[in-house]
Amino acid sequence: MTTVTTKTSIQAPKQIVMVRPHCFQSNPQTMADNSFQRTVLTQNSAESAYLEVTNAVAKLRSYGVEVHLFDDRQGNTPDSVFPNNWFSAHHNGMLITYPMYAVNRRLEYREDIIEFVSSHYMLNIRVDLRSYAEQQLYLEGTGSIVFDHQHCLAYACRSKRTNERLLSSICQKLGYQTVIFDAHNHAGVPVYHTNVLMCIGSGFVMICMDMVAEADRERLKMHFESNKQRIIELTEQQIEHFCGNAIELQGDDELILALSETAYAALTVQQKSYLETCVTLVPLYVPTIESAGGSVRCMIAGIHQP
């Protein structure tokens, strides 16, 4: 394997939050617009999801990632394993809570997690957007937004889960520029979350440009090229295997890219070879969780501490 030369990056959090479900099912309230979701559930799904999170946490910790693990014993929060949608923590000391589209996903908000993260990492600025859901305005955290923290950019593809006005408001508070675009699959179905389409690392971006609206492609490429980010072109089939749903994290002395075993198997030899010049690839086994329509990136809420 090629030696990793970049040791740290503002893009890659070392501290993260993960939630381990004791009950698990594919959420019926999100099925309509999440084309990644399946209803393939067995009697042992809850046990399998619990073990997948447990093993993923252990593997990430073995690389030096500091994982704060919270258990969810509720039976009415089928997507609680995806905490990145309801809060984000930022370098400027801001903790944001977001308005979510599905009614049952609003039950995932955890004051104990908010209080722990805020006090432990001195996040003293609270921005609470949850009440906007009552106005049918939604913004689903780092599912809706893919942040480029190195260049202060916020990428977002339009969908009913991503309100542009709320996005602009957040970016104004963070001092980030919005980069909004359209994206859809081969059947014309809009991509529901930006983080299934693209992943931004310190020196690269993984994205399926074929799914981006033709009118927006050159503008995105201009951003990537001007920021000296290598574009790793993904196919729609690779997106369906969650190759875009990965996250760069800070290990003990290296940058790692956490992704699912499904995604790892779908990457080409050439793609893996280039990625390994930037990061250490860390595949995680999460097939049960992927049946709910999200993968490794969705499972991780990064803490970008001040």
C-alpha atoms as a PDB file:
ATOM      1  CA  MET A   1       0.000   0.000   0.000  1.00  0.00           C
ATOM      2  CA  THR A   2       1.190   3.521  -0.754  1.00  0.00           C
ATOM      3  CA  THR A   3       2.382   5.410   2.317  1.00  0.00           C
ATOM      4  CA  VAL A   4      -0.064   8.094   3.447  1.00  0.00           C
ATOM      5  CA  THR A   5       1.799  11.393   3.636  1.00  0.00           C
ATOM      6  CA  THR A   6      -0.971  13.757   4.757  1.00  0.00           C
ATOM      7  CA  LYS A   7      -1.443  13.350   8.511  1.00  0.00           C
ATOM      8  CA  THR A   8      -4.139  15.853   9.496  1.00  0.00           C
ATOM      9  CA  SER A   9      -6.843  17.915   7.829  1.00  0.00           C
ATOM     10  CA  ILE A  10      -9.521  20.378   8.878  1.00  0.00           C
ATOM     11  CA  GLN A  11     -11.862  18.353   6.647  1.00  0.00           C
ATOM     12  CA  ALA A  12     -11.527  15.178   8.724  1.00  0.00           C
ATOM     13  CA  PRO A  13     -13.017  15.045  12.239  1.00  0.00           C
ATOM     14  CA  LYS A  14     -11.279  12.876  14.835  1.00  0.00           C
ATOM     15  CA  GLN A  15     -14.298  12.865  17.153  1.00  0.00           C
ATOM     16  CA  ILE A  16     -17.640  11.505  15.968  1.00  0.00           C
ATOM     17  CA  VAL A  17     -21.061  10.516  17.303  1.00  0.00           C
ATOM     18  CA  MET A  18     -22.730   7.226  16.402  1.00  0.00           C
ATOM     19  CA  VAL A  19     -26.049   5.764  17.556  1.00  0.00           C
ATOM     20  CA  ARG A  20     -26.595   2.037  18.101  1.00  0.00           C
ATOM     21  CA  PRO A  21     -30.207   0.917  17.570  1.00  0.00           C
ATOM     22  CA  HIS A  22     -31.829  -1.756  19.718  1.00  0.00           C
ATOM     23  CA  CYS A  23     -34.867  -1.785  17.402  1.00  0.00           C
ATOM     24  CA  PHE A  24     -34.401  -1.548  13.648  1.00  0.00           C
ATOM     25  CA  GLN A  25     -36.546  -1.438  10.545  1.00  0.00           C
ATOM     26  CA  SER A  26     -36.674   0.316   7.176  1.00  0.00           C
ATOM     27  CA  ASN A  27     -38.614   3.534   7.732  1.00  0.00           C
ATOM     28  CA  PRO A  28     -41.959   3.481   5.839  1.00  0.00           C
ATOM     29  CA  GLN A  29     -42.206   7.297   6.042  1.00  0.00           C
ATOM     30  CA  THR A  30     -39.068   7.812   3.930  1.00  0.00           C
ATOM     31  CA  MET A  31     -39.666   5.081   1.371  1.00  0.00           C
ATOM     32  CA  ALA A  32     -41.397   7.336  -1.179  1.00  0.00           C
ATOM     33  CA  ASP A  33     -38.353   9.451  -2.135  1.00  0.00           C
ATOM     34  CA  ASN A  34     -35.402   7.309  -0.986  1.00  0.00           C
ATOM     35  CA  SER A  35     -34.618   5.056  -3.940  1.00  0.00           C
ATOM     36  CA  PHE A  36     -31.842   3.367  -1.923  1.00  0.00           C
ATOM     37  CA  GLN A  37     -34.269   1.903   0.584  1.00  0.00           C
ATOM     38  CA  ARG A  38     -35.356  -1.726   0.612  1.00  0.00           C
ATOM     39  CA  THR A  39     -37.970  -3.534   2.667  1.00  0.00           C
ATOM     40  CA  VAL A  40     -35.787  -6.620   3.017  1.00  0.00           C
ATOM     41  CA  LEU A  41     -36.021  -7.215   6.750  1.00  0.00           C
ATOM     42  CA  THR A  42     -35.711 -10.444   8.680  1.00  0.00           C
ATOM     43  CA  GLN A  43     -36.558 -11.493  12.201  1.00  0.00           C
ATOM     44  CA  ASN A  44     -32.946 -10.847  13.147  1.00  0.00           C
ATOM     45  CA  SER A  45     -32.651  -7.361  11.589  1.00  0.00           C
ATOM     46  CA  ALA A  46     -32.515  -5.545  14.931  1.00  0.00           C
ATOM     47  CA  GLU A  47     -29.792  -7.837  16.240  1.00  0.00           C
ATOM     48  CA  SER A  48     -27.844  -7.573  12.972  1.00  0.00           C
ATOM     49  CA  ALA A  49     -28.001  -3.746  12.940  1.00  0.00           C
ATOM     50  CA  TYR A  50     -26.899  -3.642  16.587  1.00  0.00           C
ATOM     51  CA  LEU A  51     -23.888  -5.838  15.833  1.00  0.00           C
ATOM     52  CA  GLU A  52     -23.003  -3.907  12.663  1.00  0.00           C
ATOM     53  CA  VAL A  53     -22.793  -0.645  14.624  1.00  0.00           C
ATOM     54  CA  THR A  54     -20.899  -2.324  17.484  1.00  0.00           C
ATOM     55  CA  ASN A  55     -18.301  -3.783  15.105  1.00  0.00           C
ATOM     56  CA  ALA A  56     -18.013  -0.550  13.077  1.00  0.00           C
ATOM     57  CA  VAL A  57     -17.332   1.436  16.259  1.00  0.00           C
ATOM     58  CA  ALA A  58     -14.650  -1.042  17.350  1.00  0.00           C
ATOM     59  CA  LYS A  59     -12.937  -0.902  13.961  1.00  0.00           C
ATOM     60  CA  LEU A  60     -12.941   2.900  13.806  1.00  0.00           C
ATOM     61  CA  ARG A  61     -11.582   3.098  17.353  1.00  0.00           C
ATOM     62  CA  SER A  62      -8.779   0.709  16.376  1.00  0.00           C
ATOM     63  CA  TYR A  63      -7.620   3.362  13.877  1.00  0.00           C
ATOM     64  CA  GLY A  64      -7.683   6.074  16.531  1.00  0.00           C
ATOM     65  CA  VAL A  65     -11.047   7.688  15.808  1.00  0.00           C
ATOM     66  CA  GLU A  66     -12.731   8.852  19.028  1.00  0.00           C
ATOM     67  CA  VAL A  67     -16.276   7.491  18.803  1.00  0.00           C
ATOM     68  CA  HIS A  68     -18.957   8.676  21.225  1.00  0.00           C
ATOM     69  CA  LEU A  69     -21.517   5.871  21.110  1.00  0.00           C
ATOM     70  CA  PHE A  70     -25.113   6.377  22.247  1.00  0.00           C
ATOM     71  CA  ASP A  71     -27.706   3.613  22.453  1.00  0.00           C
ATOM     72  CA  ASP A  72     -31.274   4.011  21.205  1.00  0.00           C
ATOM     73  CA  ARG A  73     -33.796   1.701  22.852  1.00  0.00           C
ATOM     74  CA  GLN A  74     -36.914   3.375  21.444  1.00  0.00           C
ATOM     75  CA  GLY A  75     -39.144   1.405  19.117  1.00  0.00           C
ATOM     76  CA  ASN A  76     -40.503   4.396  17.183  1.00  0.00           C
ATOM     77  CA  THR A  77     -37.244   5.783  15.718  1.00  0.00           C
ATOM     78  CA  PRO A  78     -36.355   3.463  12.818  1.00  0.00           C
ATOM     79  CA  ASP A  79     -33.664   5.810  11.392  1.00  0.00           C
ATOM     80  CA  SER A  80     -31.901   6.744  14.635  1.00  0.00           C
ATOM     81  CA  VAL A  81     -28.764   4.998  13.339  1.00  0.00           C
ATOM     82  CA  PHE A  82     -28.348   8.041  11.025  1.00  0.00           C
ATOM     83  CA  PRO A  83     -27.665  10.961  13.463  1.00  0.00           C
ATOM     84  CA  ASN A  84     -25.903  13.081  10.837  1.00  0.00           C
ATOM     85  CA  ASN A  85     -29.296  14.280   9.600  1.00  0.00           C
ATOM     86  CA  TRP A  86     -30.429  16.022  12.769  1.00  0.00           C
ATOM     87  CA  PHE A  87     -27.325  17.827  14.044  1.00  0.00           C
ATOM     88  CA  SER A  88     -23.913  19.090  12.982  1.00  0.00           C
ATOM     89  CA  ALA A  89     -21.008  20.562  14.992  1.00  0.00           C
ATOM     90  CA  HIS A  90     -18.659  23.178  13.561  1.00  0.00           C
ATOM     91  CA  HIS A  91     -15.249  24.802  13.964  1.00  0.00           C
ATOM     92  CA  ASN A  92     -16.757  28.179  14.874  1.00  0.00           C
ATOM     93  CA  GLY A  93     -18.343  26.735  18.033  1.00  0.00           C
ATOM     94  CA  MET A  94     -21.768  26.300  16.450  1.00  0.00           C
ATOM     95  CA  LEU A  95     -24.060  23.309  16.955  1.00  0.00           C
ATOM     96  CA  ILE A  96     -26.983  23.182  14.517  1.00  0.00           C
ATOM     97  CA  THR A  97     -30.151  21.103  14.859  1.00  0.00           C
ATOM     98  CA  TYR A  98     -32.151  20.595  11.683  1.00  0.00           C
ATOM     99  CA  PRO A  99     -35.804  20.238  10.555  1.00  0.00           C
ATOM    100  CA  MET A 100     -36.419  16.784   9.092  1.00  0.00           C
ATOM    101  CA  TYR A 101     -38.952  15.737   6.482  1.00  0.00           C
ATOM    102  CA  ALA A 102     -40.339  12.510   7.992  1.00  0.00           C
ATOM    103  CA  VAL A 103     -42.473  13.068  11.089  1.00  0.00           C
ATOM    104  CA  ASN A 104     -41.080  10.033  12.896  1.00  0.00           C
ATOM    105  CA  ARG A 105     -37.512  11.188  12.268  1.00  0.00           C
ATOM    106  CA  ARG A 106     -38.190  14.250  14.451  1.00  0.00           C
ATOM    107  CA  LEU A 107     -38.345  11.854  17.405  1.00  0.00           C
ATOM    108  CA  GLU A 108     -34.610  11.200  17.011  1.00  0.00           C
ATOM    109  CA  TYR A 109     -33.535  14.511  18.576  1.00  0.00           C
ATOM    110  CA  ARG A 110     -31.588  13.712  21.762  1.00  0.00           C
ATOM    111  CA  GLU A 111     -31.001  16.454  24.318  1.00  0.00           C
ATOM    112  CA  ASP A 112     -28.485  14.217  26.083  1.00  0.00           C
ATOM    113  CA  ILE A 113     -26.382  14.059  22.894  1.00  0.00           C
ATOM    114  CA  ILE A 114     -26.701  17.815  22.330  1.00  0.00           C
ATOM    115  CA  GLU A 115     -25.708  18.594  25.930  1.00  0.00           C
ATOM    116  CA  PHE A 116     -22.792  16.160  25.877  1.00  0.00           C
ATOM    117  CA  VAL A 117     -21.345  17.422  22.586  1.00  0.00           C
ATOM    118  CA  SER A 118     -21.922  21.103  23.452  1.00  0.00           C
ATOM    119  CA  SER A 119     -20.283  20.931  26.875  1.00  0.00           C
ATOM    120  CA  HIS A 120     -17.513  18.469  25.997  1.00  0.00           C
ATOM    121  CA  TYR A 121     -16.352  20.432  22.942  1.00  0.00           C
ATOM    122  CA  MET A 122     -17.255  23.991  23.994  1.00  0.00           C
ATOM    123  CA  LEU A 123     -19.854  24.457  21.275  1.00  0.00           C
ATOM    124  CA  ASN A 124     -21.472  27.547  22.751  1.00  0.00           C
ATOM    125  CA  ILE A 125     -23.506  28.766  19.758  1.00  0.00           C
ATOM    126  CA  ARG A 126     -26.822  26.938  19.293  1.00  0.00           C
ATOM    127  CA  VAL A 127     -28.799  27.267  16.064  1.00  0.00           C
ATOM    128  CA  ASP A 128     -32.105  25.399  16.323  1.00  0.00           C
ATOM    129  CA  LEU A 129     -33.996  25.084  13.030  1.00  0.00           C
ATOM    130  CA  ARG A 130     -36.342  22.295  14.098  1.00  0.00           C
ATOM    131  CA  SER A 131     -39.480  24.446  14.203  1.00  0.00           C
ATOM    132  CA  TYR A 132     -39.244  25.109  10.439  1.00  0.00           C
ATOM    133  CA  ALA A 133     -40.629  21.604   9.871  1.00  0.00           C
ATOM    134  CA  GLU A 134     -44.002  23.020  10.946  1.00  0.00           C
ATOM    135  CA  GLN A 135     -43.781  25.314   7.893  1.00  0.00           C
ATOM    136  CA  GLN A 136     -42.836  22.321   5.717  1.00  0.00           C
ATOM    137  CA  LEU A 137     -39.316  23.667   5.306  1.00  0.00           C
ATOM    138  CA  TYR A 138     -36.657  20.974   5.665  1.00  0.00           C
ATOM    139  CA  LEU A 139     -32.877  20.724   5.770  1.00  0.00           C
ATOM    140  CA  GLU A 140     -31.443  17.362   6.767  1.00  0.00           C
ATOM    141  CA  GLY A 141     -27.997  18.126   8.130  1.00  0.00           C
ATOM    142  CA  THR A 142     -24.985  16.622   6.429  1.00  0.00           C
ATOM    143  CA  GLY A 143     -27.306  14.440   4.392  1.00  0.00           C
ATOM    144  CA  SER A 144     -28.578  17.547   2.609  1.00  0.00           C
ATOM    145  CA  ILE A 145     -25.235  19.370   2.797  1.00  0.00           C
ATOM    146  CA  VAL A 146     -21.764  18.136   1.890  1.00  0.00           C
ATOM    147  CA  PHE A 147     -19.374  20.607   3.508  1.00  0.00           C
ATOM    148  CA  ASP A 148     -15.946  21.396   2.136  1.00  0.00           C
ATOM    149  CA  HIS A 149     -14.427  22.810   5.324  1.00  0.00           C
ATOM    150  CA  GLN A 150     -11.065  23.547   3.713  1.00  0.00           C
ATOM    151  CA  HIS A 151     -12.572  25.940   1.195  1.00  0.00           C
ATOM    152  CA  CYS A 152     -15.679  27.040   3.140  1.00  0.00           C
ATOM    153  CA  LEU A 153     -18.148  25.627   0.602  1.00  0.00           C
ATOM    154  CA  ALA A 154     -21.481  23.865   1.130  1.00  0.00           C
ATOM    155  CA  TYR A 155     -22.632  21.615  -1.712  1.00  0.00           C
ATOM    156  CA  ALA A 156     -26.325  20.702  -1.887  1.00  0.00           C
ATOM    157  CA  CYS A 157     -28.551  19.146  -4.520  1.00  0.00           C
ATOM    158  CA  ARG A 158     -32.119  20.381  -4.667  1.00  0.00           C
ATOM    159  CA  SER A 159     -34.827  18.162  -3.184  1.00  0.00           C
ATOM    160  CA  LYS A 160     -37.847  18.512  -0.941  1.00  0.00           C
ATOM    161  CA  ARG A 161     -35.540  17.656   1.968  1.00  0.00           C
ATOM    162  CA  THR A 162     -33.193  20.594   1.248  1.00  0.00           C
ATOM    163  CA  ASN A 163     -34.633  24.107   1.543  1.00  0.00           C
ATOM    164  CA  GLU A 164     -32.443  26.689  -0.149  1.00  0.00           C
ATOM    165  CA  ARG A 165     -33.447  29.533   2.165  1.00  0.00           C
ATOM    166  CA  LEU A 166     -32.471  27.579   5.264  1.00  0.00           C
ATOM    167  CA  LEU A 167     -29.252  26.478   3.592  1.00  0.00           C
ATOM    168  CA  SER A 168     -28.337  30.084   2.758  1.00  0.00           C
ATOM    169  CA  SER A 169     -29.082  31.149   6.334  1.00  0.00           C
ATOM    170  CA  ILE A 170     -26.820  28.452   7.760  1.00  0.00           C
ATOM    171  CA  CYS A 171     -24.002  29.269   5.347  1.00  0.00           C
ATOM    172  CA  GLN A 172     -24.239  32.947   6.220  1.00  0.00           C
ATOM    173  CA  LYS A 173     -23.754  32.077   9.894  1.00  0.00           C
ATOM    174  CA  LEU A 174     -20.838  29.748   9.100  1.00  0.00           C
ATOM    175  CA  GLY A 175     -19.220  32.078   6.560  1.00  0.00           C
ATOM    176  CA  TYR A 176     -19.546  29.460   3.807  1.00  0.00           C
ATOM    177  CA  GLN A 177     -20.577  29.803   0.167  1.00  0.00           C
ATOM    178  CA  THR A 178     -23.484  27.710  -1.103  1.00  0.00           C
ATOM    179  CA  VAL A 179     -23.085  25.564  -4.213  1.00  0.00           C
ATOM    180  CA  ILE A 180     -26.571  24.396  -5.192  1.00  0.00           C
ATOM    181  CA  PHE A 181     -27.258  22.082  -8.121  1.00  0.00           C
ATOM    182  CA  ASP A 182     -29.749  19.568  -9.489  1.00  0.00           C
ATOM    183  CA  ALA A 183     -29.161  15.819  -9.661  1.00  0.00           C
ATOM    184  CA  HIS A 184     -31.287  12.824 -10.598  1.00  0.00           C
ATOM    185  CA  ASN A 185     -30.971   9.146 -11.490  1.00  0.00           C
ATOM    186  CA  HIS A 186     -31.466   7.589 -14.942  1.00  0.00           C
ATOM    187  CA  ALA A 187     -35.237   7.502 -14.383  1.00  0.00           C
ATOM    188  CA  GLY A 188     -35.350  11.223 -13.637  1.00  0.00           C
ATOM    189  CA  VAL A 189     -35.902  10.764  -9.889  1.00  0.00           C
ATOM    190  CA  PRO A 190     -34.194  13.589  -7.931  1.00  0.00           C
ATOM    191  CA  VAL A 191     -31.375  12.558  -5.611  1.00  0.00           C
ATOM    192  CA  TYR A 192     -32.887  12.917  -2.137  1.00  0.00           C
ATOM    193  CA  HIS A 193     -29.623  13.562  -0.223  1.00  0.00           C
ATOM    194  CA  THR A 194     -26.408  15.119  -1.473  1.00  0.00           C
ATOM    195  CA  ASN A 195     -24.222  12.781   0.599  1.00  0.00           C
ATOM    196  CA  VAL A 196     -25.262   9.707  -1.379  1.00  0.00           C
ATOM    197  CA  LEU A 197     -24.039  11.397  -4.561  1.00  0.00           C
ATOM    198  CA  MET A 198     -20.691  12.828  -3.450  1.00  0.00           C
ATOM    199  CA  CYS A 199     -17.951  12.675  -0.834  1.00  0.00           C
ATOM    200  CA  ILE A 200     -15.333  15.363  -0.316  1.00  0.00           C
ATOM    201  CA  GLY A 201     -11.904  14.527   1.087  1.00  0.00           C
ATOM    202  CA  SER A 202      -8.889  16.724   1.694  1.00  0.00           C
ATOM    203  CA  GLY A 203      -7.505  16.363  -1.831  1.00  0.00           C
ATOM    204  CA  PHE A 204     -10.254  14.609  -3.756  1.00  0.00           C
ATOM    205  CA  VAL A 205     -13.959  14.472  -4.467  1.00  0.00           C
ATOM    206  CA  MET A 206     -15.883  11.306  -5.318  1.00  0.00           C
ATOM    207  CA  ILE A 207     -18.977  12.136  -7.371  1.00  0.00           C
ATOM    208  CA  CYS A 208     -21.204  10.834 -10.150  1.00  0.00           C
ATOM    209  CA  MET A 209     -21.166  13.739 -12.602  1.00  0.00           C
ATOM    210  CA  ASP A 210     -23.522  11.856 -14.933  1.00  0.00           C
ATOM    211  CA  MET A 211     -26.273  12.247 -12.325  1.00  0.00           C
ATOM    212  CA  VAL A 212     -25.661  15.990 -12.006  1.00  0.00           C
ATOM    213  CA  ALA A 213     -27.822  18.143 -14.277  1.00  0.00           C
ATOM    214  CA  GLU A 214     -25.874  18.985 -17.409  1.00  0.00           C
ATOM    215  CA  ALA A 215     -26.294  22.724 -16.806  1.00  0.00           C
ATOM    216  CA  ASP A 216     -24.527  22.421 -13.442  1.00  0.00           C
ATOM    217  CA  ARG A 217     -21.599  20.131 -14.296  1.00  0.00           C
ATOM    218  CA  GLU A 218     -19.077  22.700 -15.487  1.00  0.00           C
ATOM    219  CA  ARG A 219     -19.715  24.911 -12.466  1.00  0.00           C
ATOM    220  CA  LEU A 220     -19.006  22.017 -10.095  1.00  0.00           C
ATOM    221  CA  LYS A 221     -15.897  20.987 -12.004  1.00  0.00           C
ATOM    222  CA  MET A 222     -14.654  24.569 -11.834  1.00  0.00           C
ATOM    223  CA  HIS A 223     -14.895  24.511  -8.030  1.00  0.00           C
ATOM    224  CA  PHE A 224     -13.109  21.168  -7.762  1.00  0.00           C
ATOM    225  CA  GLU A 225     -10.340  22.093 -10.180  1.00  0.00           C
ATOM    226  CA  SER A 226      -9.730  25.553  -8.705  1.00  0.00           C
ATOM    227  CA  ASN A 227      -9.407  23.927  -5.276  1.00  0.00           C
ATOM    228  CA  LYS A 228      -6.990  21.313  -6.670  1.00  0.00           C
ATOM    229  CA  GLN A 229      -9.300  18.438  -5.794  1.00  0.00           C
ATOM    230  CA  ARG A 230      -8.866  15.297  -7.884  1.00  0.00           C
ATOM    231  CA  ILE A 231     -12.245  14.220  -9.307  1.00  0.00           C
ATOM    232  CA  ILE A 232     -12.906  10.509  -8.906  1.00  0.00           C
ATOM    233  CA  GLU A 233     -15.788   9.873 -11.286  1.00  0.00           C
ATOM    234  CA  LEU A 234     -18.334   7.388  -9.986  1.00  0.00           C
ATOM    235  CA  THR A 235     -20.964   5.615 -12.068  1.00  0.00           C
ATOM    236  CA  GLU A 236     -24.636   5.538 -11.155  1.00  0.00           C
ATOM    237  CA  GLN A 237     -24.236   1.846 -10.354  1.00  0.00           C
ATOM    238  CA  GLN A 238     -21.442   2.695  -7.919  1.00  0.00           C
ATOM    239  CA  ILE A 239     -23.675   5.328  -6.323  1.00  0.00           C
ATOM    240  CA  GLU A 240     -26.342   2.635  -5.879  1.00  0.00           C
ATOM    241  CA  HIS A 241     -23.663   0.654  -4.038  1.00  0.00           C
ATOM    242  CA  PHE A 242     -23.066   3.639  -1.703  1.00  0.00           C
ATOM    243  CA  CYS A 243     -19.640   4.612  -3.086  1.00  0.00           C
ATOM    244  CA  GLY A 244     -20.522   8.284  -2.623  1.00  0.00           C
ATOM    245  CA  ASN A 245     -21.606   7.761   0.984  1.00  0.00           C
ATOM    246  CA  ALA A 246     -18.162   7.767   2.602  1.00  0.00           C
ATOM    247  CA  ILE A 247     -16.438  10.113   5.050  1.00  0.00           C
ATOM    248  CA  GLU A 248     -12.843  11.123   5.668  1.00  0.00           C
ATOM    249  CA  LEU A 249     -11.850  10.869   9.341  1.00  0.00           C
ATOM    250  CA  GLN A 250      -8.737  11.567  11.383  1.00  0.00           C
ATOM    251  CA  GLY A 251      -6.994   8.500  12.790  1.00  0.00           C
ATOM    252  CA  ASP A 252      -4.074   8.418  15.217  1.00  0.00           C
ATOM    253  CA  ASP A 253      -1.467   9.439  12.654  1.00  0.00           C
ATOM    254  CA  GLU A 254      -3.247   9.205   9.313  1.00  0.00           C
ATOM    255  CA  LEU A 255      -6.362  10.140   7.417  1.00  0.00           C
ATOM    256  CA  ILE A 256      -8.813   7.326   6.823  1.00  0.00           C
ATOM    257  CA  LEU A 257     -11.809   6.977   4.527  1.00  0.00           C
ATOM    258  CA  ALA A 258     -14.651   5.127   6.224  1.00  0.00           C
ATOM    259  CA  LEU A 259     -16.943   3.422   3.713  1.00  0.00           C
ATOM    260  CA  SER A 260     -19.036   0.272   3.567  1.00  0.00           C
ATOM    261  CA  GLU A 261     -17.819  -3.096   2.333  1.00  0.00           C
ATOM    262  CA  THR A 262     -20.533  -2.779  -0.330  1.00  0.00           C
ATOM    263  CA  ALA A 263     -18.944   0.456  -1.566  1.00  0.00           C
ATOM    264  CA  TYR A 264     -15.383  -0.876  -1.297  1.00  0.00           C
ATOM    265  CA  ALA A 265     -16.246  -3.885  -3.462  1.00  0.00           C
ATOM    266  CA  ALA A 266     -17.827  -1.626  -6.103  1.00  0.00           C
ATOM    267  CA  LEU A 267     -14.793   0.664  -6.504  1.00  0.00           C
ATOM    268  CA  THR A 268     -12.395  -0.133  -9.334  1.00  0.00           C
ATOM    269  CA  VAL A 269      -8.779  -1.096  -8.763  1.00  0.00           C
ATOM    270  CA  GLN A 270      -7.696   2.256 -10.216  1.00  0.00           C
ATOM    271  CA  GLN A 271     -10.030   4.221  -7.933  1.00  0.00           C
ATOM    272  CA  LYS A 272      -8.794   2.377  -4.848  1.00  0.00           C
ATOM    273  CA  SER A 273      -5.197   2.835  -5.933  1.00  0.00           C
ATOM    274  CA  TYR A 274      -5.568   6.607  -6.178  1.00  0.00           C
ATOM    275  CA  LEU A 275      -7.555   6.905  -2.929  1.00  0.00           C
ATOM    276  CA  GLU A 276      -4.834   5.005  -1.089  1.00  0.00           C
ATOM    277  CA  THR A 277      -2.350   7.748  -1.958  1.00  0.00           C
ATOM    278  CA  CYS A 278      -4.546  10.118   0.082  1.00  0.00           C
ATOM    279  CA  VAL A 279      -6.160   8.005   2.798  1.00  0.00           C
ATOM    280  CA  THR A 280      -6.272   4.555   4.348  1.00  0.00           C
ATOM    281  CA  LEU A 281      -9.446   2.799   3.213  1.00  0.00           C
ATOM    282  CA  VAL A 282     -11.466   1.340   6.088  1.00  0.00           C
ATOM    283  CA  PRO A 283     -14.404  -0.781   4.866  1.00  0.00           C
ATOM    284  CA  LEU A 284     -17.196  -1.451   7.380  1.00  0.00           C
ATOM    285  CA  TYR A 285     -19.713  -4.293   7.161  1.00  0.00           C
ATOM    286  CA  VAL A 286     -23.200  -2.687   7.352  1.00  0.00           C
ATOM    287  CA  PRO A 287     -25.546  -4.471   4.875  1.00  0.00           C
ATOM    288  CA  THR A 288     -28.550  -4.533   7.229  1.00  0.00           C
ATOM    289  CA  ILE A 289     -28.271  -0.812   7.872  1.00  0.00           C
ATOM    290  CA  GLU A 290     -27.908  -0.159   4.139  1.00  0.00           C
ATOM    291  CA  SER A 291     -31.317  -1.777   3.617  1.00  0.00           C
ATOM    292  CA  ALA A 292     -32.738   1.327   5.348  1.00  0.00           C
ATOM    293  CA  GLY A 293     -31.334   3.522   2.566  1.00  0.00           C
ATOM    294  CA  GLY A 294     -28.175   4.937   4.131  1.00  0.00           C
ATOM    295  CA  SER A 295     -24.605   3.798   4.614  1.00  0.00           C
ATOM    296  CA  VAL A 296     -21.460   4.699   6.542  1.00  0.00           C
ATOM    297  CA  ARG A 297     -21.524   8.473   5.975  1.00  0.00           C
ATOM    298  CA  CYS A 298     -25.105   8.647   7.211  1.00  0.00           C
ATOM    299  CA  MET A 299     -24.144   6.731  10.373  1.00  0.00           C
ATOM    300  CA  ILE A 300     -21.521   9.287  11.421  1.00  0.00           C
ATOM    301  CA  ALA A 301     -22.035  12.771  12.833  1.00  0.00           C
ATOM    302  CA  GLY A 302     -18.624  14.438  12.809  1.00  0.00           C
ATOM    303  CA  ILE A 303     -17.578  16.892  15.511  1.00  0.00           C
ATOM    304  CA  HIS A 304     -15.517  19.720  14.036  1.00  0.00           C
ATOM    305  CA  GLN A 305     -14.441  21.203  17.323  1.00  0.00           C
ATOM    306  CA  PRO A 306     -13.304  24.821  17.764  1.00  0.00           C
END
